[in-house]
Amino acid sequence: MATFEDFMKLDIRVGTILKAEEFKKARKPAYKLEIDFGEEIGIKKSSAQITNLYTSEELIGKQILAVVNFPQKQIADFLSEVLVLGTYSKDGVILITPDKKASNGDKLG
């Protein structure tokens, strides 16, 4: 069982998606994302399997939550630097988003 201390080790931040493009080399349908996490963290990249419910166009400008302190992961020829958070629903992954505008880099606490 995870403890509260385990949860607190995760650095979960708000970011705004700047770029989203089809990740053609991924084994499962995915997008390559560029996400702005503010001055402290900067712009990071992520691969996200969210193509069932989102178009690349509607992702631009969307705020999301992501874990920014996991090790980087090589996926095909792409280095994913953060883990974008979502819930698995019957229709696909639904992104976890703030319900009001937040500042890039704001920390989940």
PDB file of N, CA and C in Angstrom:
ATOM      1  N   MET A   1       0.851  -1.185   0.000  1.00  0.00           N
ATOM      2  CA  MET A   1       0.000   0.000   0.000  1.00  0.00           C
ATOM      3  C   MET A   1       0.891   1.242   0.000  1.00  0.00           C
ATOM      4  N   ALA A   2       0.541   2.210  -0.818  1.00  0.00           N
ATOM      5  CA  ALA A   2       1.291   3.467  -0.865  1.00  0.00           C
ATOM      6  C   ALA A   2       0.982   4.298   0.377  1.00  0.00           C
ATOM      7  N   THR A   3       1.968   5.054   0.795  1.00  0.00           N
ATOM      8  CA  THR A   3       1.792   5.943   1.953  1.00  0.00           C
ATOM      9  C   THR A   3       1.664   7.380   1.475  1.00  0.00           C
ATOM     10  N   PHE A   4       1.262   8.261   2.372  1.00  0.00           N
ATOM     11  CA  PHE A   4       1.186   9.685   2.049  1.00  0.00           C
ATOM     12  C   PHE A   4       2.564  10.202   1.657  1.00  0.00           C
ATOM     13  N   GLU A   5       3.594   9.705   2.316  1.00  0.00           N
ATOM     14  CA  GLU A   5       4.964  10.111   1.991  1.00  0.00           C
ATOM     15  C   GLU A   5       5.327   9.707   0.561  1.00  0.00           C
ATOM     16  N   ASP A   6       4.868   8.528   0.122  1.00  0.00           N
ATOM     17  CA  ASP A   6       5.084   8.102  -1.265  1.00  0.00           C
ATOM     18  C   ASP A   6       4.433   9.093  -2.230  1.00  0.00           C
ATOM     19  N   PHE A   7       3.203   9.479  -1.949  1.00  0.00           N
ATOM     20  CA  PHE A   7       2.486  10.428  -2.797  1.00  0.00           C
ATOM     21  C   PHE A   7       3.228  11.761  -2.863  1.00  0.00           C
ATOM     22  N   MET A   8       3.750  12.209  -1.739  1.00  0.00           N
ATOM     23  CA  MET A   8       4.419  13.515  -1.684  1.00  0.00           C
ATOM     24  C   MET A   8       5.728  13.528  -2.472  1.00  0.00           C
ATOM     25  N   LYS A   9       6.261  12.357  -2.806  1.00  0.00           N
ATOM     26  CA  LYS A   9       7.471  12.298  -3.630  1.00  0.00           C
ATOM     27  C   LYS A   9       7.191  12.698  -5.075  1.00  0.00           C
ATOM     28  N   LEU A  10       5.925  12.599  -5.496  1.00  0.00           N
ATOM     29  CA  LEU A  10       5.556  12.953  -6.863  1.00  0.00           C
ATOM     30  C   LEU A  10       5.483  14.466  -7.004  1.00  0.00           C
ATOM     31  N   ASP A  11       6.110  14.991  -8.041  1.00  0.00           N
ATOM     32  CA  ASP A  11       6.040  16.414  -8.343  1.00  0.00           C
ATOM     33  C   ASP A  11       5.065  16.568  -9.507  1.00  0.00           C
ATOM     34  N   ILE A  12       3.818  16.915  -9.170  1.00  0.00           N
ATOM     35  CA  ILE A  12       2.760  17.038 -10.167  1.00  0.00           C
ATOM     36  C   ILE A  12       2.493  18.517 -10.402  1.00  0.00           C
ATOM     37  N   ARG A  13       2.624  18.940 -11.666  1.00  0.00           N
ATOM     38  CA  ARG A  13       2.531  20.356 -12.010  1.00  0.00           C
ATOM     39  C   ARG A  13       1.524  20.607 -13.123  1.00  0.00           C
ATOM     40  N   VAL A  14       1.060  21.853 -13.178  1.00  0.00           N
ATOM     41  CA  VAL A  14       0.200  22.323 -14.255  1.00  0.00           C
ATOM     42  C   VAL A  14       1.080  22.758 -15.424  1.00  0.00           C
ATOM     43  N   GLY A  15       0.677  22.369 -16.617  1.00  0.00           N
ATOM     44  CA  GLY A  15       1.359  22.820 -17.830  1.00  0.00           C
ATOM     45  C   GLY A  15       0.350  23.106 -18.929  1.00  0.00           C
ATOM     46  N   THR A  16       0.771  23.917 -19.894  1.00  0.00           N
ATOM     47  CA  THR A  16      -0.072  24.233 -21.045  1.00  0.00           C
ATOM     48  C   THR A  16       0.538  23.613 -22.292  1.00  0.00           C
ATOM     49  N   ILE A  17      -0.277  22.873 -23.030  1.00  0.00           N
ATOM     50  CA  ILE A  17       0.202  22.213 -24.251  1.00  0.00           C
ATOM     51  C   ILE A  17       0.428  23.262 -25.341  1.00  0.00           C
ATOM     52  N   LEU A  18       1.659  23.305 -25.837  1.00  0.00           N
ATOM     53  CA  LEU A  18       2.033  24.248 -26.893  1.00  0.00           C
ATOM     54  C   LEU A  18       1.958  23.619 -28.281  1.00  0.00           C
ATOM     55  N   LYS A  19       2.249  22.327 -28.340  1.00  0.00           N
ATOM     56  CA  LYS A  19       2.332  21.635 -29.629  1.00  0.00           C
ATOM     57  C   LYS A  19       1.865  20.204 -29.438  1.00  0.00           C
ATOM     58  N   ALA A  20       1.127  19.695 -30.424  1.00  0.00           N
ATOM     59  CA  ALA A  20       0.668  18.303 -30.408  1.00  0.00           C
ATOM     60  C   ALA A  20       0.696  17.791 -31.835  1.00  0.00           C
ATOM     61  N   GLU A  21       1.416  16.696 -32.036  1.00  0.00           N
ATOM     62  CA  GLU A  21       1.472  16.106 -33.377  1.00  0.00           C
ATOM     63  C   GLU A  21       1.413  14.593 -33.269  1.00  0.00           C
ATOM     64  N   GLU A  22       0.902  13.977 -34.315  1.00  0.00           N
ATOM     65  CA  GLU A  22       0.793  12.529 -34.361  1.00  0.00           C
ATOM     66  C   GLU A  22       2.173  11.894 -34.193  1.00  0.00           C
ATOM     67  N   PHE A  23       2.246  10.859 -33.361  1.00  0.00           N
ATOM     68  CA  PHE A  23       3.492  10.129 -33.115  1.00  0.00           C
ATOM     69  C   PHE A  23       3.423   8.853 -33.951  1.00  0.00           C
ATOM     70  N   LYS A  24       3.870   8.946 -35.180  1.00  0.00           N
ATOM     71  CA  LYS A  24       3.719   7.851 -36.144  1.00  0.00           C
ATOM     72  C   LYS A  24       4.537   6.616 -35.791  1.00  0.00           C
ATOM     73  N   LYS A  25       5.645   6.774 -35.057  1.00  0.00           N
ATOM     74  CA  LYS A  25       6.500   5.627 -34.742  1.00  0.00           C
ATOM     75  C   LYS A  25       6.091   4.903 -33.456  1.00  0.00           C
ATOM     76  N   ALA A  26       5.125   5.422 -32.742  1.00  0.00           N
ATOM     77  CA  ALA A  26       4.661   4.764 -31.514  1.00  0.00           C
ATOM     78  C   ALA A  26       3.900   3.488 -31.872  1.00  0.00           C
ATOM     79  N   ARG A  27       4.021   2.470 -31.027  1.00  0.00           N
ATOM     80  CA  ARG A  27       3.322   1.206 -31.277  1.00  0.00           C
ATOM     81  C   ARG A  27       1.809   1.362 -31.168  1.00  0.00           C
ATOM     82  N   LYS A  28       1.365   2.154 -30.193  1.00  0.00           N
ATOM     83  CA  LYS A  28      -0.057   2.444 -30.017  1.00  0.00           C
ATOM     84  C   LYS A  28      -0.282   3.904 -30.411  1.00  0.00           C
ATOM     85  N   PRO A  29      -1.459   4.250 -30.935  1.00  0.00           N
ATOM     86  CA  PRO A  29      -1.712   5.635 -31.343  1.00  0.00           C
ATOM     87  C   PRO A  29      -1.425   6.626 -30.211  1.00  0.00           C
ATOM     88  N   ALA A  30      -0.658   7.657 -30.525  1.00  0.00           N
ATOM     89  CA  ALA A  30      -0.251   8.632 -29.516  1.00  0.00           C
ATOM     90  C   ALA A  30       0.073   9.969 -30.182  1.00  0.00           C
ATOM     91  N   TYR A  31       0.186  10.996 -29.330  1.00  0.00           N
ATOM     92  CA  TYR A  31       0.664  12.303 -29.768  1.00  0.00           C
ATOM     93  C   TYR A  31       2.007  12.587 -29.110  1.00  0.00           C
ATOM     94  N   LYS A  32       2.843  13.336 -29.810  1.00  0.00           N
ATOM     95  CA  LYS A  32       4.021  13.957 -29.214  1.00  0.00           C
ATOM     96  C   LYS A  32       3.568  15.336 -28.753  1.00  0.00           C
ATOM     97  N   LEU A  33       3.780  15.629 -27.478  1.00  0.00           N
ATOM     98  CA  LEU A  33       3.361  16.907 -26.910  1.00  0.00           C
ATOM     99  C   LEU A  33       4.564  17.727 -26.467  1.00  0.00           C
ATOM    100  N   GLU A  34       4.473  19.038 -26.617  1.00  0.00           N
ATOM    101  CA  GLU A  34       5.396  19.981 -25.984  1.00  0.00           C
ATOM    102  C   GLU A  34       4.548  20.779 -25.010  1.00  0.00           C
ATOM    103  N   ILE A  35       4.991  20.814 -23.741  1.00  0.00           N
ATOM    104  CA  ILE A  35       4.187  21.388 -22.663  1.00  0.00           C
ATOM    105  C   ILE A  35       5.010  22.413 -21.905  1.00  0.00           C
ATOM    106  N   ASP A  36       4.419  23.594 -21.681  1.00  0.00           N
ATOM    107  CA  ASP A  36       5.079  24.674 -20.945  1.00  0.00           C
ATOM    108  C   ASP A  36       4.713  24.569 -19.471  1.00  0.00           C
ATOM    109  N   PHE A  37       5.737  24.344 -18.627  1.00  0.00           N
ATOM    110  CA  PHE A  37       5.541  24.245 -17.183  1.00  0.00           C
ATOM    111  C   PHE A  37       6.057  25.477 -16.448  1.00  0.00           C
ATOM    112  N   GLY A  38       6.223  26.594 -17.134  1.00  0.00           N
ATOM    113  CA  GLY A  38       6.649  27.830 -16.495  1.00  0.00           C
ATOM    114  C   GLY A  38       8.160  27.950 -16.396  1.00  0.00           C
ATOM    115  N   GLU A  39       8.593  29.067 -15.820  1.00  0.00           N
ATOM    116  CA  GLU A  39      10.025  29.399 -15.776  1.00  0.00           C
ATOM    117  C   GLU A  39      10.890  28.367 -15.059  1.00  0.00           C
ATOM    118  N   GLU A  40      10.430  27.869 -13.923  1.00  0.00           N
ATOM    119  CA  GLU A  40      11.242  26.953 -13.109  1.00  0.00           C
ATOM    120  C   GLU A  40      11.557  25.648 -13.840  1.00  0.00           C
ATOM    121  N   ILE A  41      10.583  25.086 -14.530  1.00  0.00           N
ATOM    122  CA  ILE A  41      10.735  23.776 -15.173  1.00  0.00           C
ATOM    123  C   ILE A  41      10.955  23.911 -16.678  1.00  0.00           C
ATOM    124  N   GLY A  42      10.292  24.856 -17.299  1.00  0.00           N
ATOM    125  CA  GLY A  42      10.449  25.088 -18.734  1.00  0.00           C
ATOM    126  C   GLY A  42       9.539  24.218 -19.578  1.00  0.00           C
ATOM    127  N   ILE A  43       9.908  24.052 -20.830  1.00  0.00           N
ATOM    128  CA  ILE A  43       9.127  23.274 -21.788  1.00  0.00           C
ATOM    129  C   ILE A  43       9.641  21.833 -21.793  1.00  0.00           C
ATOM    130  N   LYS A  44       8.728  20.915 -21.627  1.00  0.00           N
ATOM    131  CA  LYS A  44       9.061  19.490 -21.602  1.00  0.00           C
ATOM    132  C   LYS A  44       8.242  18.756 -22.664  1.00  0.00           C
ATOM    133  N   LYS A  45       8.728  17.576 -23.036  1.00  0.00           N
ATOM    134  CA  LYS A  45       8.064  16.755 -24.041  1.00  0.00           C
ATOM    135  C   LYS A  45       7.445  15.523 -23.400  1.00  0.00           C
ATOM    136  N   SER A  46       6.358  15.054 -24.013  1.00  0.00           N
ATOM    137  CA  SER A  46       5.705  13.843 -23.528  1.00  0.00           C
ATOM    138  C   SER A  46       5.030  13.131 -24.686  1.00  0.00           C
ATOM    139  N   SER A  47       4.968  11.818 -24.595  1.00  0.00           N
ATOM    140  CA  SER A  47       4.170  11.008 -25.498  1.00  0.00           C
ATOM    141  C   SER A  47       2.912  10.629 -24.730  1.00  0.00           C
ATOM    142  N   ALA A  48       1.755  10.861 -25.362  1.00  0.00           N
ATOM    143  CA  ALA A  48       0.500  10.592 -24.665  1.00  0.00           C
ATOM    144  C   ALA A  48      -0.457   9.832 -25.575  1.00  0.00           C
ATOM    145  N   GLN A  49      -0.987   8.737 -25.057  1.00  0.00           N
ATOM    146  CA  GLN A  49      -1.946   7.915 -25.809  1.00  0.00           C
ATOM    147  C   GLN A  49      -3.358   8.439 -25.551  1.00  0.00           C
ATOM    148  N   ILE A  50      -3.651   9.580 -26.151  1.00  0.00           N
ATOM    149  CA  ILE A  50      -4.927  10.258 -25.914  1.00  0.00           C
ATOM    150  C   ILE A  50      -5.655  10.554 -27.219  1.00  0.00           C
ATOM    151  N   THR A  51      -5.361   9.780 -28.255  1.00  0.00           N
ATOM    152  CA  THR A  51      -5.904  10.059 -29.584  1.00  0.00           C
ATOM    153  C   THR A  51      -7.383   9.696 -29.730  1.00  0.00           C
ATOM    154  N   ASN A  52      -7.919   8.843 -28.870  1.00  0.00           N
ATOM    155  CA  ASN A  52      -9.330   8.453 -28.992  1.00  0.00           C
ATOM    156  C   ASN A  52     -10.280   9.609 -28.739  1.00  0.00           C
ATOM    157  N   LEU A  53      -9.942  10.482 -27.803  1.00  0.00           N
ATOM    158  CA  LEU A  53     -10.876  11.524 -27.384  1.00  0.00           C
ATOM    159  C   LEU A  53     -10.432  12.944 -27.721  1.00  0.00           C
ATOM    160  N   TYR A  54      -9.207  13.122 -28.220  1.00  0.00           N
ATOM    161  CA  TYR A  54      -8.686  14.464 -28.480  1.00  0.00           C
ATOM    162  C   TYR A  54      -8.053  14.538 -29.865  1.00  0.00           C
ATOM    163  N   THR A  55      -8.296  15.671 -30.551  1.00  0.00           N
ATOM    164  CA  THR A  55      -7.568  15.948 -31.781  1.00  0.00           C
ATOM    165  C   THR A  55      -6.343  16.776 -31.413  1.00  0.00           C
ATOM    166  N   SER A  56      -5.345  16.755 -32.262  1.00  0.00           N
ATOM    167  CA  SER A  56      -4.142  17.550 -31.978  1.00  0.00           C
ATOM    168  C   SER A  56      -4.495  19.036 -31.900  1.00  0.00           C
ATOM    169  N   GLU A  57      -5.430  19.492 -32.717  1.00  0.00           N
ATOM    170  CA  GLU A  57      -5.806  20.905 -32.727  1.00  0.00           C
ATOM    171  C   GLU A  57      -6.442  21.343 -31.414  1.00  0.00           C
ATOM    172  N   GLU A  58      -7.323  20.508 -30.845  1.00  0.00           N
ATOM    173  CA  GLU A  58      -7.997  20.917 -29.613  1.00  0.00           C
ATOM    174  C   GLU A  58      -7.090  20.841 -28.385  1.00  0.00           C
ATOM    175  N   LEU A  59      -5.948  20.156 -28.505  1.00  0.00           N
ATOM    176  CA  LEU A  59      -5.017  20.069 -27.372  1.00  0.00           C
ATOM    177  C   LEU A  59      -4.207  21.355 -27.188  1.00  0.00           C
ATOM    178  N   ILE A  60      -3.989  22.103 -28.267  1.00  0.00           N
ATOM    179  CA  ILE A  60      -3.180  23.319 -28.182  1.00  0.00           C
ATOM    180  C   ILE A  60      -3.856  24.317 -27.242  1.00  0.00           C
ATOM    181  N   GLY A  61      -3.098  24.770 -26.235  1.00  0.00           N
ATOM    182  CA  GLY A  61      -3.621  25.719 -25.254  1.00  0.00           C
ATOM    183  C   GLY A  61      -4.303  25.079 -24.064  1.00  0.00           C
ATOM    184  N   LYS A  62      -4.496  23.762 -24.092  1.00  0.00           N
ATOM    185  CA  LYS A  62      -5.155  23.058 -22.985  1.00  0.00           C
ATOM    186  C   LYS A  62      -4.198  22.907 -21.818  1.00  0.00           C
ATOM    187  N   GLN A  63      -4.687  23.201 -20.615  1.00  0.00           N
ATOM    188  CA  GLN A  63      -3.887  22.973 -19.412  1.00  0.00           C
ATOM    189  C   GLN A  63      -4.102  21.553 -18.923  1.00  0.00           C
ATOM    190  N   ILE A  64      -3.010  20.934 -18.490  1.00  0.00           N
ATOM    191  CA  ILE A  64      -3.045  19.546 -18.024  1.00  0.00           C
ATOM    192  C   ILE A  64      -2.235  19.429 -16.731  1.00  0.00           C
ATOM    193  N   LEU A  65      -2.311  18.282 -16.099  1.00  0.00           N
ATOM    194  CA  LEU A  65      -1.450  17.952 -14.960  1.00  0.00           C
ATOM    195  C   LEU A  65      -0.517  16.833 -15.387  1.00  0.00           C
ATOM    196  N   ALA A  66       0.736  16.916 -14.928  1.00  0.00           N
ATOM    197  CA  ALA A  66       1.729  15.903 -15.285  1.00  0.00           C
ATOM    198  C   ALA A  66       2.717  15.706 -14.154  1.00  0.00           C
ATOM    199  N   VAL A  67       3.239  14.486 -14.059  1.00  0.00           N
ATOM    200  CA  VAL A  67       4.334  14.192 -13.135  1.00  0.00           C
ATOM    201  C   VAL A  67       5.618  14.624 -13.843  1.00  0.00           C
ATOM    202  N   VAL A  68       6.358  15.530 -13.204  1.00  0.00           N
ATOM    203  CA  VAL A  68       7.555  16.078 -13.850  1.00  0.00           C
ATOM    204  C   VAL A  68       8.853  15.520 -13.277  1.00  0.00           C
ATOM    205  N   ASN A  69       8.771  14.634 -12.287  1.00  0.00           N
ATOM    206  CA  ASN A  69      10.007  14.114 -11.689  1.00  0.00           C
ATOM    207  C   ASN A  69      10.180  12.602 -11.834  1.00  0.00           C
ATOM    208  N   PHE A  70       9.579  12.028 -12.862  1.00  0.00           N
ATOM    209  CA  PHE A  70       9.873  10.639 -13.217  1.00  0.00           C
ATOM    210  C   PHE A  70      11.097  10.619 -14.131  1.00  0.00           C
ATOM    211  N   PRO A  71      11.799   9.486 -14.207  1.00  0.00           N
ATOM    212  CA  PRO A  71      12.905   9.384 -15.173  1.00  0.00           C
ATOM    213  C   PRO A  71      12.370   9.511 -16.602  1.00  0.00           C
ATOM    214  N   GLN A  72      13.193  10.034 -17.484  1.00  0.00           N
ATOM    215  CA  GLN A  72      12.822  10.131 -18.895  1.00  0.00           C
ATOM    216  C   GLN A  72      12.663   8.728 -19.465  1.00  0.00           C
ATOM    217  N   LYS A  73      11.795   8.621 -20.497  1.00  0.00           N
ATOM    218  CA  LYS A  73      11.539   7.312 -21.106  1.00  0.00           C
ATOM    219  C   LYS A  73      11.678   7.428 -22.622  1.00  0.00           C
ATOM    220  N   GLN A  74      12.506   6.562 -23.188  1.00  0.00           N
ATOM    221  CA  GLN A  74      12.682   6.526 -24.638  1.00  0.00           C
ATOM    222  C   GLN A  74      11.541   5.731 -25.255  1.00  0.00           C
ATOM    223  N   ILE A  75      10.815   6.358 -26.181  1.00  0.00           N
ATOM    224  CA  ILE A  75       9.728   5.701 -26.890  1.00  0.00           C
ATOM    225  C   ILE A  75      10.023   5.881 -28.376  1.00  0.00           C
ATOM    226  N   ALA A  76      10.396   4.784 -29.042  1.00  0.00           N
ATOM    227  CA  ALA A  76      10.863   4.836 -30.437  1.00  0.00           C
ATOM    228  C   ALA A  76      12.000   5.854 -30.517  1.00  0.00           C
ATOM    229  N   ASP A  77      11.863   6.870 -31.364  1.00  0.00           N
ATOM    230  CA  ASP A  77      12.928   7.858 -31.515  1.00  0.00           C
ATOM    231  C   ASP A  77      12.657   9.134 -30.710  1.00  0.00           C
ATOM    232  N   PHE A  78      11.789   9.043 -29.687  1.00  0.00           N
ATOM    233  CA  PHE A  78      11.329  10.215 -28.931  1.00  0.00           C
ATOM    234  C   PHE A  78      11.620  10.016 -27.453  1.00  0.00           C
ATOM    235  N   LEU A  79      12.112  11.067 -26.783  1.00  0.00           N
ATOM    236  CA  LEU A  79      12.398  11.015 -25.356  1.00  0.00           C
ATOM    237  C   LEU A  79      11.272  11.717 -24.600  1.00  0.00           C
ATOM    238  N   SER A  80      10.456  10.937 -23.909  1.00  0.00           N
ATOM    239  CA  SER A  80       9.352  11.482 -23.128  1.00  0.00           C
ATOM    240  C   SER A  80       9.898  11.897 -21.766  1.00  0.00           C
ATOM    241  N   GLU A  81       9.671  13.175 -21.400  1.00  0.00           N
ATOM    242  CA  GLU A  81      10.280  13.732 -20.188  1.00  0.00           C
ATOM    243  C   GLU A  81       9.320  13.831 -19.007  1.00  0.00           C
ATOM    244  N   VAL A  82       8.014  13.836 -19.269  1.00  0.00           N
ATOM    245  CA  VAL A  82       7.021  13.944 -18.202  1.00  0.00           C
ATOM    246  C   VAL A  82       5.880  12.971 -18.480  1.00  0.00           C
ATOM    247  N   LEU A  83       5.117  12.638 -17.437  1.00  0.00           N
ATOM    248  CA  LEU A  83       3.969  11.747 -17.574  1.00  0.00           C
ATOM    249  C   LEU A  83       2.691  12.569 -17.426  1.00  0.00           C
ATOM    250  N   VAL A  84       1.975  12.727 -18.529  1.00  0.00           N
ATOM    251  CA  VAL A  84       0.699  13.434 -18.515  1.00  0.00           C
ATOM    252  C   VAL A  84      -0.335  12.533 -17.845  1.00  0.00           C
ATOM    253  N   LEU A  85      -1.144  13.120 -16.949  1.00  0.00           N
ATOM    254  CA  LEU A  85      -2.097  12.330 -16.174  1.00  0.00           C
ATOM    255  C   LEU A  85      -3.482  12.309 -16.797  1.00  0.00           C
ATOM    256  N   GLY A  86      -4.102  11.154 -16.736  1.00  0.00           N
ATOM    257  CA  GLY A  86      -5.454  10.993 -17.245  1.00  0.00           C
ATOM    258  C   GLY A  86      -6.113   9.791 -16.607  1.00  0.00           C
ATOM    259  N   THR A  87      -7.405   9.676 -16.847  1.00  0.00           N
ATOM    260  CA  THR A  87      -8.146   8.524 -16.349  1.00  0.00           C
ATOM    261  C   THR A  87      -8.499   7.624 -17.526  1.00  0.00           C
ATOM    262  N   TYR A  88      -8.489   6.323 -17.294  1.00  0.00           N
ATOM    263  CA  TYR A  88      -8.873   5.363 -18.320  1.00  0.00           C
ATOM    264  C   TYR A  88     -10.382   5.190 -18.271  1.00  0.00           C
ATOM    265  N   SER A  89     -11.058   5.612 -19.341  1.00  0.00           N
ATOM    266  CA  SER A  89     -12.503   5.433 -19.426  1.00  0.00           C
ATOM    267  C   SER A  89     -12.795   4.429 -20.536  1.00  0.00           C
ATOM    268  N   LYS A  90     -14.050   4.058 -20.692  1.00  0.00           N
ATOM    269  CA  LYS A  90     -14.397   3.072 -21.721  1.00  0.00           C
ATOM    270  C   LYS A  90     -14.126   3.589 -23.121  1.00  0.00           C
ATOM    271  N   ASP A  91     -14.108   4.915 -23.318  1.00  0.00           N
ATOM    272  CA  ASP A  91     -13.887   5.496 -24.644  1.00  0.00           C
ATOM    273  C   ASP A  91     -12.452   5.912 -24.904  1.00  0.00           C
ATOM    274  N   GLY A  92     -11.601   5.874 -23.878  1.00  0.00           N
ATOM    275  CA  GLY A  92     -10.211   6.298 -24.012  1.00  0.00           C
ATOM    276  C   GLY A  92      -9.774   7.107 -22.811  1.00  0.00           C
ATOM    277  N   VAL A  93      -8.567   7.639 -22.888  1.00  0.00           N
ATOM    278  CA  VAL A  93      -8.003   8.392 -21.771  1.00  0.00           C
ATOM    279  C   VAL A  93      -8.585   9.805 -21.739  1.00  0.00           C
ATOM    280  N   ILE A  94      -9.045  10.223 -20.552  1.00  0.00           N
ATOM    281  CA  ILE A  94      -9.537  11.581 -20.315  1.00  0.00           C
ATOM    282  C   ILE A  94      -8.477  12.307 -19.494  1.00  0.00           C
ATOM    283  N   LEU A  95      -8.001  13.429 -20.016  1.00  0.00           N
ATOM    284  CA  LEU A  95      -6.946  14.186 -19.337  1.00  0.00           C
ATOM    285  C   LEU A  95      -7.429  14.781 -18.020  1.00  0.00           C
ATOM    286  N   ILE A  96      -6.513  14.835 -17.040  1.00  0.00           N
ATOM    287  CA  ILE A  96      -6.776  15.526 -15.784  1.00  0.00           C
ATOM    288  C   ILE A  96      -6.404  16.991 -16.012  1.00  0.00           C
ATOM    289  N   THR A  97      -7.370  17.883 -15.826  1.00  0.00           N
ATOM    290  CA  THR A  97      -7.155  19.303 -16.098  1.00  0.00           C
ATOM    291  C   THR A  97      -7.656  20.141 -14.933  1.00  0.00           C
ATOM    292  N   PRO A  98      -7.040  21.316 -14.711  1.00  0.00           N
ATOM    293  CA  PRO A  98      -7.591  22.223 -13.696  1.00  0.00           C
ATOM    294  C   PRO A  98      -8.950  22.744 -14.177  1.00  0.00           C
ATOM    295  N   ASP A  99      -9.882  22.958 -13.252  1.00  0.00           N
ATOM    296  CA  ASP A  99     -11.199  23.450 -13.692  1.00  0.00           C
ATOM    297  C   ASP A  99     -11.239  24.971 -13.810  1.00  0.00           C
ATOM    298  N   LYS A 100     -10.169  25.638 -13.390  1.00  0.00           N
ATOM    299  CA  LYS A 100     -10.000  27.080 -13.587  1.00  0.00           C
ATOM    300  C   LYS A 100      -8.589  27.317 -14.100  1.00  0.00           C
ATOM    301  N   LYS A 101      -8.356  28.459 -14.742  1.00  0.00           N
ATOM    302  CA  LYS A 101      -7.034  28.802 -15.270  1.00  0.00           C
ATOM    303  C   LYS A 101      -6.030  28.819 -14.119  1.00  0.00           C
ATOM    304  N   ALA A 102      -4.907  28.140 -14.317  1.00  0.00           N
ATOM    305  CA  ALA A 102      -3.838  28.095 -13.325  1.00  0.00           C
ATOM    306  C   ALA A 102      -2.564  28.587 -13.987  1.00  0.00           C
ATOM    307  N   SER A 103      -1.577  28.892 -13.190  1.00  0.00           N
ATOM    308  CA  SER A 103      -0.279  29.302 -13.728  1.00  0.00           C
ATOM    309  C   SER A 103       0.539  28.067 -14.083  1.00  0.00           C
ATOM    310  N   ASN A 104       1.229  28.125 -15.211  1.00  0.00           N
ATOM    311  CA  ASN A 104       2.120  27.031 -15.575  1.00  0.00           C
ATOM    312  C   ASN A 104       3.140  26.828 -14.468  1.00  0.00           C
ATOM    313  N   GLY A 105       3.309  25.586 -14.065  1.00  0.00           N
ATOM    314  CA  GLY A 105       4.250  25.261 -12.993  1.00  0.00           C
ATOM    315  C   GLY A 105       3.609  25.150 -11.636  1.00  0.00           C
ATOM    316  N   ASP A 106       2.323  25.571 -11.494  1.00  0.00           N
ATOM    317  CA  ASP A 106       1.651  25.402 -10.214  1.00  0.00           C
ATOM    318  C   ASP A 106       1.719  23.941  -9.807  1.00  0.00           C
ATOM    319  N   LYS A 107       1.938  23.700  -8.518  1.00  0.00           N
ATOM    320  CA  LYS A 107       2.138  22.347  -8.000  1.00  0.00           C
ATOM    321  C   LYS A 107       0.877  21.813  -7.346  1.00  0.00           C
ATOM    322  N   LEU A 108       0.556  20.556  -7.656  1.00  0.00           N
ATOM    323  CA  LEU A 108      -0.523  19.878  -6.973  1.00  0.00           C
ATOM    324  C   LEU A 108      -0.085  19.676  -5.525  1.00  0.00           C
ATOM    325  N   GLY A 109      -0.934  20.034  -4.592  1.00  0.00           N
ATOM    326  CA  GLY A 109      -0.485  19.928  -3.202  1.00  0.00           C
ATOM    327  C   GLY A 109      -1.558  19.506  -2.258  1.00  0.00           C
TER     328      GLY A 109
END
